Amino acid sequence: MKRDIQNVDDDIARKKRLIEKILYSDEDIAELLDNPNIDPECPEDLVYENIWPCLRIPGTQDVSKNFITFTVDDMERMQYNPVMKSQYITFVVFVHKDHIKTKYGIARHDLISYCIRDLLNLSNKLGAQCELVQNREGVTDTDYHTRTLKFELITDNSTKPLRTNPYEYNQIVNHRR
């Protein structure tokens, strides 16, 4: 690729990588996702198995699993301060009906959601304070129970004023020669 993918200058991509790490590094979340095929010494293997950096609905499968899916969305620039924006991080926890019950007496989707709230609500781990603005229970079908958490962040808008797109700039410069 032409772009330096290891140093992507995109706050959404950076936040997604950070959220992945926050989730798989938490021993309680790893335990609650209940995947016996993941080596406890390599919790990063939960990513794209049980932790998805995109919204995803489980399909028909041979093995029932539990998932945390999430997305980071830019919503709007602040009306009176265009260098700031509102950003939402939405988590959807999916738990198969066969895994709802836990030894702790709390439904698994509620317990995983609690752990996520405990890690992120009113924290600055993502560079700005996360505030829980929605917490809803739901179902997708007869097999999966869900809990959706939405956090709001007010963060910088990643604007680069008076700077030209580097790819456009190269085309303009090369065209003039």
N, C-alpha and C. Protein backbone atom coordinates (compact mmCIF):
# COMPACT_ATOMS: atom_id res chain seq x y z
N MET A 1 0.82 -1.18 0.00
CA MET A 1 0.00 0.00 0.00
C MET A 1 0.87 1.25 0.00
N LYS A 2 0.33 2.28 -0.52
CA LYS A 2 1.00 3.57 -0.60
C LYS A 2 1.00 4.29 0.74
N ARG A 3 -0.02 4.09 1.52
CA ARG A 3 -0.15 4.76 2.82
C ARG A 3 0.57 3.98 3.91
N ASP A 4 1.03 4.68 4.94
CA ASP A 4 1.67 4.05 6.09
C ASP A 4 0.57 3.53 7.02
N ILE A 5 0.14 2.31 6.80
CA ILE A 5 -0.99 1.73 7.52
C ILE A 5 -0.68 1.55 9.01
N GLN A 6 0.58 1.37 9.37
CA GLN A 6 0.92 1.21 10.78
C GLN A 6 0.76 2.52 11.56
N ASN A 7 0.74 3.64 10.86
CA ASN A 7 0.59 4.95 11.51
C ASN A 7 -0.61 5.69 10.92
N VAL A 8 -1.74 5.04 10.93
CA VAL A 8 -2.96 5.63 10.39
C VAL A 8 -3.33 6.86 11.21
N ASP A 9 -3.54 7.97 10.52
CA ASP A 9 -3.89 9.22 11.19
C ASP A 9 -5.42 9.35 11.21
N ASP A 10 -6.05 8.46 11.97
CA ASP A 10 -7.50 8.43 12.05
C ASP A 10 -7.90 8.09 13.48
N ASP A 11 -8.62 8.99 14.12
CA ASP A 11 -8.95 8.77 15.52
C ASP A 11 -9.89 7.58 15.72
N ILE A 12 -10.72 7.27 14.75
CA ILE A 12 -11.62 6.12 14.89
C ILE A 12 -10.82 4.82 14.90
N ALA A 13 -9.88 4.68 13.98
CA ALA A 13 -9.05 3.47 13.94
C ALA A 13 -8.22 3.33 15.21
N ARG A 14 -7.66 4.45 15.69
CA ARG A 14 -6.88 4.41 16.94
C ARG A 14 -7.76 4.00 18.12
N LYS A 15 -8.94 4.56 18.20
CA LYS A 15 -9.83 4.23 19.32
C LYS A 15 -10.27 2.77 19.26
N LYS A 16 -10.54 2.26 18.06
CA LYS A 16 -10.94 0.86 17.94
C LYS A 16 -9.82 -0.07 18.42
N ARG A 17 -8.59 0.22 18.04
CA ARG A 17 -7.47 -0.62 18.51
C ARG A 17 -7.34 -0.55 20.03
N LEU A 18 -7.52 0.64 20.57
CA LEU A 18 -7.42 0.82 22.02
C LEU A 18 -8.56 0.09 22.74
N ILE A 19 -9.77 0.17 22.22
CA ILE A 19 -10.91 -0.52 22.82
C ILE A 19 -10.69 -2.03 22.79
N GLU A 20 -10.21 -2.55 21.67
CA GLU A 20 -9.91 -3.99 21.59
C GLU A 20 -8.99 -4.39 22.73
N LYS A 21 -7.91 -3.62 22.90
CA LYS A 21 -6.93 -3.94 23.94
C LYS A 21 -7.52 -3.84 25.33
N ILE A 22 -8.32 -2.81 25.58
CA ILE A 22 -8.97 -2.65 26.89
C ILE A 22 -9.85 -3.87 27.17
N LEU A 23 -10.60 -4.32 26.18
CA LEU A 23 -11.51 -5.45 26.38
C LEU A 23 -10.77 -6.76 26.58
N TYR A 24 -9.83 -7.09 25.69
CA TYR A 24 -9.18 -8.40 25.83
C TYR A 24 -8.20 -8.45 26.99
N SER A 25 -7.76 -7.30 27.48
CA SER A 25 -6.84 -7.28 28.63
C SER A 25 -7.56 -7.46 29.96
N ASP A 26 -8.87 -7.33 29.96
CA ASP A 26 -9.62 -7.48 31.20
C ASP A 26 -9.92 -8.96 31.44
N GLU A 27 -9.37 -9.51 32.51
CA GLU A 27 -9.51 -10.94 32.79
C GLU A 27 -10.97 -11.35 33.01
N ASP A 28 -11.76 -10.47 33.61
CA ASP A 28 -13.17 -10.80 33.85
C ASP A 28 -13.93 -10.90 32.54
N ILE A 29 -13.68 -9.99 31.63
CA ILE A 29 -14.35 -10.05 30.32
C ILE A 29 -13.93 -11.31 29.58
N ALA A 30 -12.64 -11.62 29.59
CA ALA A 30 -12.17 -12.84 28.92
C ALA A 30 -12.84 -14.07 29.50
N GLU A 31 -12.98 -14.12 30.82
CA GLU A 31 -13.66 -15.25 31.46
C GLU A 31 -15.12 -15.32 31.06
N LEU A 32 -15.80 -14.17 31.06
CA LEU A 32 -17.23 -14.15 30.77
C LEU A 32 -17.55 -14.45 29.31
N LEU A 33 -16.61 -14.17 28.40
CA LEU A 33 -16.84 -14.53 27.00
C LEU A 33 -16.82 -16.04 26.81
N ASP A 34 -16.20 -16.74 27.75
CA ASP A 34 -16.32 -18.20 27.85
C ASP A 34 -15.95 -18.92 26.55
N ASN A 35 -14.73 -18.66 26.06
CA ASN A 35 -14.26 -19.36 24.87
C ASN A 35 -13.11 -20.27 25.27
N PRO A 36 -13.36 -21.58 25.44
CA PRO A 36 -12.31 -22.50 25.88
C PRO A 36 -11.20 -22.70 24.84
N ASN A 37 -11.42 -22.25 23.60
CA ASN A 37 -10.40 -22.40 22.56
C ASN A 37 -9.35 -21.30 22.59
N ILE A 38 -9.53 -20.30 23.43
CA ILE A 38 -8.58 -19.19 23.51
C ILE A 38 -7.62 -19.45 24.66
N ASP A 39 -6.34 -19.41 24.36
CA ASP A 39 -5.30 -19.57 25.37
C ASP A 39 -5.28 -18.33 26.27
N PRO A 40 -5.40 -18.52 27.59
CA PRO A 40 -5.39 -17.36 28.51
C PRO A 40 -4.11 -16.53 28.40
N GLU A 41 -3.04 -17.12 27.89
CA GLU A 41 -1.78 -16.38 27.71
C GLU A 41 -1.81 -15.51 26.45
N CYS A 42 -2.81 -15.70 25.60
CA CYS A 42 -2.94 -14.92 24.35
C CYS A 42 -4.36 -14.35 24.24
N PRO A 43 -4.75 -13.48 25.17
CA PRO A 43 -6.12 -12.97 25.15
C PRO A 43 -6.43 -12.14 23.90
N GLU A 44 -5.39 -11.65 23.21
CA GLU A 44 -5.63 -10.88 21.98
C GLU A 44 -6.28 -11.74 20.90
N ASP A 45 -6.23 -13.06 21.05
CA ASP A 45 -6.90 -13.96 20.11
C ASP A 45 -8.42 -13.87 20.19
N LEU A 46 -8.94 -13.21 21.22
CA LEU A 46 -10.39 -13.00 21.32
C LEU A 46 -10.90 -12.07 20.22
N VAL A 47 -10.01 -11.21 19.70
CA VAL A 47 -10.40 -10.28 18.65
C VAL A 47 -10.70 -11.07 17.38
N TYR A 48 -11.83 -10.81 16.78
CA TYR A 48 -12.39 -11.49 15.61
C TYR A 48 -12.87 -12.91 15.92
N GLU A 49 -12.86 -13.28 17.19
CA GLU A 49 -13.50 -14.51 17.64
C GLU A 49 -14.71 -14.16 18.51
N ASN A 50 -14.45 -13.37 19.55
CA ASN A 50 -15.50 -12.95 20.48
C ASN A 50 -15.61 -11.44 20.63
N ILE A 51 -14.59 -10.72 20.20
CA ILE A 51 -14.59 -9.26 20.25
C ILE A 51 -14.46 -8.77 18.82
N TRP A 52 -15.46 -8.03 18.37
CA TRP A 52 -15.49 -7.57 16.98
C TRP A 52 -15.51 -6.05 16.92
N PRO A 53 -14.54 -5.42 16.21
CA PRO A 53 -14.52 -3.97 16.09
C PRO A 53 -15.46 -3.45 15.01
N CYS A 54 -16.62 -4.04 14.96
CA CYS A 54 -17.68 -3.63 14.03
C CYS A 54 -18.96 -4.25 14.56
N LEU A 55 -20.09 -3.72 14.12
CA LEU A 55 -21.34 -4.33 14.54
C LEU A 55 -21.56 -5.57 13.70
N ARG A 56 -21.94 -6.64 14.35
CA ARG A 56 -22.08 -7.93 13.69
C ARG A 56 -23.19 -8.69 14.40
N ILE A 57 -24.01 -9.36 13.63
CA ILE A 57 -25.06 -10.18 14.21
C ILE A 57 -24.67 -11.64 14.01
N PRO A 58 -24.65 -12.42 15.08
CA PRO A 58 -24.27 -13.83 14.94
C PRO A 58 -25.21 -14.56 13.99
N GLY A 59 -24.64 -15.44 13.20
CA GLY A 59 -25.42 -16.24 12.28
C GLY A 59 -25.63 -17.63 12.82
N THR A 60 -26.19 -18.49 11.99
CA THR A 60 -26.37 -19.88 12.37
C THR A 60 -24.99 -20.51 12.49
N GLN A 61 -24.76 -21.19 13.58
CA GLN A 61 -23.44 -21.77 13.82
C GLN A 61 -23.58 -23.09 14.55
N ASP A 62 -22.52 -23.90 14.43
CA ASP A 62 -22.51 -25.17 15.14
C ASP A 62 -22.27 -24.97 16.64
N VAL A 63 -21.42 -24.01 16.98
CA VAL A 63 -21.05 -23.76 18.36
C VAL A 63 -21.63 -22.42 18.79
N SER A 64 -22.32 -22.41 19.91
CA SER A 64 -22.86 -21.14 20.42
C SER A 64 -21.72 -20.35 21.05
N LYS A 65 -21.72 -19.04 20.79
CA LYS A 65 -20.67 -18.16 21.31
C LYS A 65 -21.29 -16.92 21.92
N ASN A 66 -20.45 -16.21 22.64
CA ASN A 66 -20.81 -14.92 23.19
C ASN A 66 -19.92 -13.89 22.52
N PHE A 67 -20.47 -12.71 22.24
CA PHE A 67 -19.73 -11.69 21.49
C PHE A 67 -19.86 -10.32 22.13
N ILE A 68 -18.83 -9.54 21.94
CA ILE A 68 -18.90 -8.10 22.16
C ILE A 68 -18.59 -7.48 20.80
N THR A 69 -19.51 -6.70 20.30
CA THR A 69 -19.25 -5.97 19.06
C THR A 69 -19.30 -4.48 19.41
N PHE A 70 -18.57 -3.68 18.65
CA PHE A 70 -18.60 -2.25 18.94
C PHE A 70 -18.28 -1.44 17.70
N THR A 71 -18.70 -0.20 17.74
CA THR A 71 -18.42 0.72 16.65
C THR A 71 -18.13 2.09 17.26
N VAL A 72 -17.35 2.88 16.53
CA VAL A 72 -17.05 4.25 16.91
C VAL A 72 -17.56 5.14 15.79
N ASP A 73 -18.43 6.08 16.12
CA ASP A 73 -19.06 6.92 15.11
C ASP A 73 -18.88 8.40 15.43
N ASP A 74 -18.45 9.16 14.43
CA ASP A 74 -18.46 10.61 14.54
C ASP A 74 -19.88 11.06 14.29
N MET A 75 -20.40 11.90 15.16
CA MET A 75 -21.79 12.31 15.01
C MET A 75 -21.92 13.71 14.44
N GLU A 76 -21.32 14.69 15.08
CA GLU A 76 -21.47 16.05 14.59
C GLU A 76 -20.41 16.95 15.21
N ARG A 77 -20.09 18.00 14.48
CA ARG A 77 -19.23 19.03 15.05
C ARG A 77 -20.04 19.81 16.06
N MET A 78 -19.38 20.33 17.04
CA MET A 78 -20.08 21.14 18.03
C MET A 78 -20.47 22.46 17.36
N GLN A 79 -21.69 22.90 17.59
CA GLN A 79 -22.24 24.06 16.90
C GLN A 79 -21.42 25.32 17.13
N TYR A 80 -20.96 25.54 18.35
CA TYR A 80 -20.26 26.78 18.65
C TYR A 80 -18.75 26.62 18.74
N ASN A 81 -18.26 25.40 18.50
CA ASN A 81 -16.83 25.15 18.56
C ASN A 81 -16.48 24.07 17.54
N PRO A 82 -16.21 24.44 16.28
CA PRO A 82 -16.03 23.45 15.21
C PRO A 82 -14.78 22.57 15.35
N VAL A 83 -13.89 22.87 16.28
CA VAL A 83 -12.74 21.99 16.47
C VAL A 83 -13.04 20.83 17.41
N MET A 84 -14.27 20.81 17.95
CA MET A 84 -14.70 19.71 18.81
C MET A 84 -15.85 18.96 18.11
N LYS A 85 -15.98 17.69 18.44
CA LYS A 85 -17.06 16.89 17.86
C LYS A 85 -17.63 15.95 18.91
N SER A 86 -18.82 15.48 18.64
CA SER A 86 -19.47 14.49 19.46
C SER A 86 -19.21 13.13 18.81
N GLN A 87 -18.78 12.18 19.60
CA GLN A 87 -18.47 10.85 19.08
C GLN A 87 -19.18 9.82 19.95
N TYR A 88 -19.76 8.81 19.32
CA TYR A 88 -20.43 7.75 20.07
C TYR A 88 -19.69 6.43 19.90
N ILE A 89 -19.58 5.71 20.99
CA ILE A 89 -19.05 4.35 20.96
C ILE A 89 -20.20 3.46 21.39
N THR A 90 -20.61 2.56 20.51
CA THR A 90 -21.74 1.67 20.78
C THR A 90 -21.23 0.25 20.91
N PHE A 91 -21.56 -0.38 22.01
CA PHE A 91 -21.24 -1.79 22.25
C PHE A 91 -22.53 -2.56 22.20
N VAL A 92 -22.51 -3.71 21.53
CA VAL A 92 -23.64 -4.64 21.59
C VAL A 92 -23.07 -5.97 22.07
N VAL A 93 -23.56 -6.42 23.20
CA VAL A 93 -23.13 -7.69 23.78
C VAL A 93 -24.16 -8.74 23.39
N PHE A 94 -23.71 -9.80 22.74
CA PHE A 94 -24.58 -10.90 22.34
C PHE A 94 -24.22 -12.12 23.19
N VAL A 95 -25.22 -12.72 23.81
CA VAL A 95 -25.01 -13.94 24.60
C VAL A 95 -26.01 -14.98 24.15
N HIS A 96 -25.50 -16.15 23.80
CA HIS A 96 -26.37 -17.25 23.38
C HIS A 96 -27.21 -17.71 24.56
N LYS A 97 -28.43 -18.11 24.30
CA LYS A 97 -29.37 -18.50 25.35
C LYS A 97 -28.81 -19.61 26.26
N ASP A 98 -27.94 -20.46 25.71
CA ASP A 98 -27.36 -21.55 26.49
C ASP A 98 -26.29 -21.05 27.47
N HIS A 99 -25.88 -19.78 27.34
CA HIS A 99 -24.81 -19.24 28.19
C HIS A 99 -25.28 -18.11 29.11
N ILE A 100 -26.57 -17.83 29.14
CA ILE A 100 -27.10 -16.70 29.93
C ILE A 100 -26.77 -16.85 31.42
N LYS A 101 -26.98 -18.03 31.95
CA LYS A 101 -26.79 -18.26 33.38
C LYS A 101 -25.30 -18.30 33.72
N THR A 102 -24.94 -17.59 34.81
CA THR A 102 -23.55 -17.61 35.28
C THR A 102 -23.52 -18.10 36.73
N LYS A 103 -22.37 -18.44 37.20
CA LYS A 103 -22.21 -18.86 38.60
C LYS A 103 -22.31 -17.69 39.56
N TYR A 104 -22.40 -16.48 39.03
CA TYR A 104 -22.46 -15.28 39.87
C TYR A 104 -23.89 -14.82 40.14
N GLY A 105 -24.88 -15.49 39.56
CA GLY A 105 -26.27 -15.13 39.79
C GLY A 105 -26.73 -13.91 39.00
N ILE A 106 -25.95 -13.50 38.02
CA ILE A 106 -26.29 -12.36 37.15
C ILE A 106 -26.23 -12.86 35.71
N ALA A 107 -27.20 -12.49 34.90
CA ALA A 107 -27.20 -12.91 33.49
C ALA A 107 -25.92 -12.46 32.81
N ARG A 108 -25.36 -13.32 31.97
CA ARG A 108 -24.05 -13.06 31.35
C ARG A 108 -24.01 -11.76 30.56
N HIS A 109 -25.06 -11.44 29.78
CA HIS A 109 -25.01 -10.20 29.00
C HIS A 109 -25.02 -8.97 29.91
N ASP A 110 -25.72 -9.07 31.05
CA ASP A 110 -25.71 -7.97 32.01
C ASP A 110 -24.35 -7.85 32.70
N LEU A 111 -23.74 -8.97 32.99
CA LEU A 111 -22.45 -8.97 33.68
C LEU A 111 -21.33 -8.45 32.76
N ILE A 112 -21.33 -8.87 31.50
CA ILE A 112 -20.33 -8.36 30.55
C ILE A 112 -20.52 -6.86 30.37
N SER A 113 -21.76 -6.44 30.26
CA SER A 113 -22.06 -5.01 30.11
C SER A 113 -21.60 -4.22 31.33
N TYR A 114 -21.81 -4.79 32.51
CA TYR A 114 -21.33 -4.14 33.72
C TYR A 114 -19.81 -3.93 33.66
N CYS A 115 -19.09 -4.96 33.22
CA CYS A 115 -17.63 -4.85 33.14
C CYS A 115 -17.20 -3.75 32.16
N ILE A 116 -17.89 -3.66 31.03
CA ILE A 116 -17.58 -2.60 30.06
C ILE A 116 -17.86 -1.23 30.68
N ARG A 117 -19.00 -1.09 31.32
CA ARG A 117 -19.33 0.18 31.99
C ARG A 117 -18.30 0.52 33.05
N ASP A 118 -17.91 -0.48 33.82
CA ASP A 118 -16.93 -0.27 34.89
C ASP A 118 -15.59 0.21 34.32
N LEU A 119 -15.22 -0.30 33.16
CA LEU A 119 -13.95 0.10 32.53
C LEU A 119 -14.01 1.49 31.90
N LEU A 120 -15.15 1.84 31.29
CA LEU A 120 -15.19 3.04 30.45
C LEU A 120 -16.00 4.22 30.98
N ASN A 121 -17.07 3.98 31.72
CA ASN A 121 -17.93 5.10 32.10
C ASN A 121 -17.18 6.10 32.97
N LEU A 122 -17.20 7.35 32.55
CA LEU A 122 -16.53 8.47 33.21
C LEU A 122 -15.01 8.33 33.26
N SER A 123 -14.46 7.48 32.39
CA SER A 123 -13.00 7.35 32.30
C SER A 123 -12.48 8.19 31.15
N ASN A 124 -11.19 8.41 31.14
CA ASN A 124 -10.53 9.14 30.06
C ASN A 124 -9.61 8.22 29.26
N LYS A 125 -9.85 6.92 29.31
CA LYS A 125 -8.98 5.95 28.65
C LYS A 125 -8.91 6.12 27.14
N LEU A 126 -9.93 6.76 26.55
CA LEU A 126 -9.96 6.93 25.10
C LEU A 126 -9.59 8.36 24.69
N GLY A 127 -8.98 9.09 25.60
CA GLY A 127 -8.52 10.44 25.28
C GLY A 127 -9.51 11.54 25.62
N ALA A 128 -10.71 11.17 25.96
CA ALA A 128 -11.74 12.12 26.38
C ALA A 128 -12.68 11.34 27.30
N GLN A 129 -13.39 12.05 28.14
CA GLN A 129 -14.25 11.37 29.10
C GLN A 129 -15.44 10.69 28.41
N CYS A 130 -15.59 9.40 28.67
CA CYS A 130 -16.72 8.62 28.15
C CYS A 130 -17.88 8.73 29.13
N GLU A 131 -19.04 9.01 28.60
CA GLU A 131 -20.23 9.07 29.46
C GLU A 131 -21.29 8.14 28.89
N LEU A 132 -21.77 7.22 29.72
CA LEU A 132 -22.82 6.30 29.31
C LEU A 132 -24.11 7.08 29.09
N VAL A 133 -24.68 6.98 27.88
CA VAL A 133 -25.91 7.70 27.57
C VAL A 133 -27.06 6.75 27.22
N GLN A 134 -26.75 5.46 27.05
CA GLN A 134 -27.81 4.50 26.75
C GLN A 134 -27.39 3.12 27.23
N ASN A 135 -28.36 2.38 27.79
CA ASN A 135 -28.12 1.02 28.26
C ASN A 135 -29.44 0.27 28.08
N ARG A 136 -29.51 -0.55 27.01
CA ARG A 136 -30.78 -1.20 26.66
C ARG A 136 -30.60 -2.70 26.45
N GLU A 137 -31.58 -3.43 26.92
CA GLU A 137 -31.60 -4.87 26.72
C GLU A 137 -32.42 -5.19 25.48
N GLY A 138 -32.11 -6.31 24.83
CA GLY A 138 -32.87 -6.71 23.66
C GLY A 138 -32.60 -8.16 23.30
N VAL A 139 -33.20 -8.58 22.20
CA VAL A 139 -32.98 -9.92 21.63
C VAL A 139 -32.84 -9.77 20.12
N THR A 140 -32.13 -10.71 19.50
CA THR A 140 -32.04 -10.69 18.05
C THR A 140 -32.97 -11.73 17.43
N ASP A 141 -33.10 -12.83 18.12
CA ASP A 141 -33.96 -13.93 17.67
C ASP A 141 -34.21 -14.81 18.88
N THR A 142 -34.55 -16.06 18.67
CA THR A 142 -34.81 -16.94 19.81
C THR A 142 -33.53 -17.42 20.48
N ASP A 143 -32.37 -17.17 19.88
CA ASP A 143 -31.12 -17.69 20.42
C ASP A 143 -30.25 -16.68 21.15
N TYR A 144 -30.28 -15.41 20.78
CA TYR A 144 -29.35 -14.43 21.35
C TYR A 144 -30.04 -13.31 22.11
N HIS A 145 -29.55 -13.08 23.31
CA HIS A 145 -29.97 -11.95 24.14
C HIS A 145 -28.89 -10.89 24.02
N THR A 146 -29.29 -9.64 24.07
CA THR A 146 -28.33 -8.55 23.86
C THR A 146 -28.44 -7.49 24.94
N ARG A 147 -27.40 -6.73 25.06
CA ARG A 147 -27.42 -5.49 25.82
C ARG A 147 -26.60 -4.51 25.01
N THR A 148 -27.19 -3.33 24.75
CA THR A 148 -26.54 -2.28 23.97
C THR A 148 -26.18 -1.13 24.89
N LEU A 149 -24.90 -0.77 24.85
CA LEU A 149 -24.39 0.36 25.62
C LEU A 149 -23.90 1.42 24.65
N LYS A 150 -24.25 2.66 24.92
CA LYS A 150 -23.77 3.75 24.07
C LYS A 150 -23.10 4.79 24.96
N PHE A 151 -21.86 5.11 24.62
CA PHE A 151 -21.10 6.12 25.33
C PHE A 151 -20.91 7.32 24.43
N GLU A 152 -20.93 8.51 25.02
CA GLU A 152 -20.67 9.72 24.26
C GLU A 152 -19.36 10.32 24.73
N LEU A 153 -18.59 10.81 23.77
CA LEU A 153 -17.35 11.53 24.06
C LEU A 153 -17.43 12.87 23.34
N ILE A 154 -16.94 13.89 23.96
CA ILE A 154 -16.74 15.17 23.29
C ILE A 154 -15.23 15.26 23.10
N THR A 155 -14.80 15.25 21.87
CA THR A 155 -13.37 15.15 21.58
C THR A 155 -12.98 16.11 20.47
N ASP A 156 -11.68 16.22 20.23
CA ASP A 156 -11.23 17.12 19.16
C ASP A 156 -11.68 16.58 17.80
N ASN A 157 -11.87 17.48 16.88
CA ASN A 157 -12.46 17.14 15.58
C ASN A 157 -11.43 16.62 14.57
N SER A 158 -10.20 16.47 14.97
CA SER A 158 -9.15 16.00 14.06
C SER A 158 -9.03 16.87 12.82
N THR A 159 -9.39 18.12 12.95
CA THR A 159 -9.30 19.00 11.80
C THR A 159 -7.87 19.45 11.62
N LYS A 160 -7.49 19.65 10.39
CA LYS A 160 -6.16 20.13 10.06
C LYS A 160 -6.33 21.36 9.18
N PRO A 161 -6.61 22.50 9.79
CA PRO A 161 -6.90 23.70 9.00
C PRO A 161 -5.69 24.13 8.16
N LEU A 162 -6.00 24.68 7.01
CA LEU A 162 -5.00 25.22 6.10
C LEU A 162 -4.02 24.17 5.60
N ARG A 163 -4.45 22.94 5.57
CA ARG A 163 -3.59 21.87 5.07
C ARG A 163 -4.28 21.21 3.89
N THR A 164 -3.55 20.95 2.84
CA THR A 164 -4.10 20.32 1.64
C THR A 164 -3.98 18.81 1.77
N ASN A 165 -4.95 18.10 1.23
CA ASN A 165 -4.88 16.65 1.18
C ASN A 165 -3.58 16.26 0.48
N PRO A 166 -2.71 15.44 1.11
CA PRO A 166 -1.41 15.13 0.52
C PRO A 166 -1.49 14.44 -0.84
N TYR A 167 -2.53 13.65 -1.07
CA TYR A 167 -2.65 12.95 -2.35
C TYR A 167 -3.11 13.92 -3.44
N GLU A 168 -3.99 14.81 -3.08
CA GLU A 168 -4.43 15.84 -4.02
C GLU A 168 -3.27 16.78 -4.33
N TYR A 169 -2.49 17.14 -3.32
CA TYR A 169 -1.35 18.04 -3.50
C TYR A 169 -0.35 17.44 -4.48
N ASN A 170 -0.04 16.15 -4.32
CA ASN A 170 0.92 15.50 -5.23
C ASN A 170 0.40 15.49 -6.66
N GLN A 171 -0.90 15.29 -6.85
CA GLN A 171 -1.46 15.30 -8.20
C GLN A 171 -1.36 16.69 -8.82
N ILE A 172 -1.61 17.72 -8.02
CA ILE A 172 -1.53 19.10 -8.52
C ILE A 172 -0.10 19.43 -8.87
N VAL A 173 0.84 19.13 -7.99
CA VAL A 173 2.26 19.44 -8.23
C VAL A 173 2.76 18.68 -9.44
N ASN A 174 2.49 17.38 -9.54
CA ASN A 174 2.97 16.59 -10.67
C ASN A 174 2.31 16.99 -11.98
N HIS A 175 1.08 17.46 -11.91
CA HIS A 175 0.37 17.89 -13.12
C HIS A 175 0.99 19.15 -13.72
N ARG A 176 1.52 20.01 -12.89
CA ARG A 176 2.09 21.27 -13.36
C ARG A 176 3.44 21.07 -14.03
N ARG A 177 4.09 20.01 -13.80
CA ARG A 177 5.44 19.80 -14.40
C ARG A 177 5.37 19.41 -15.83
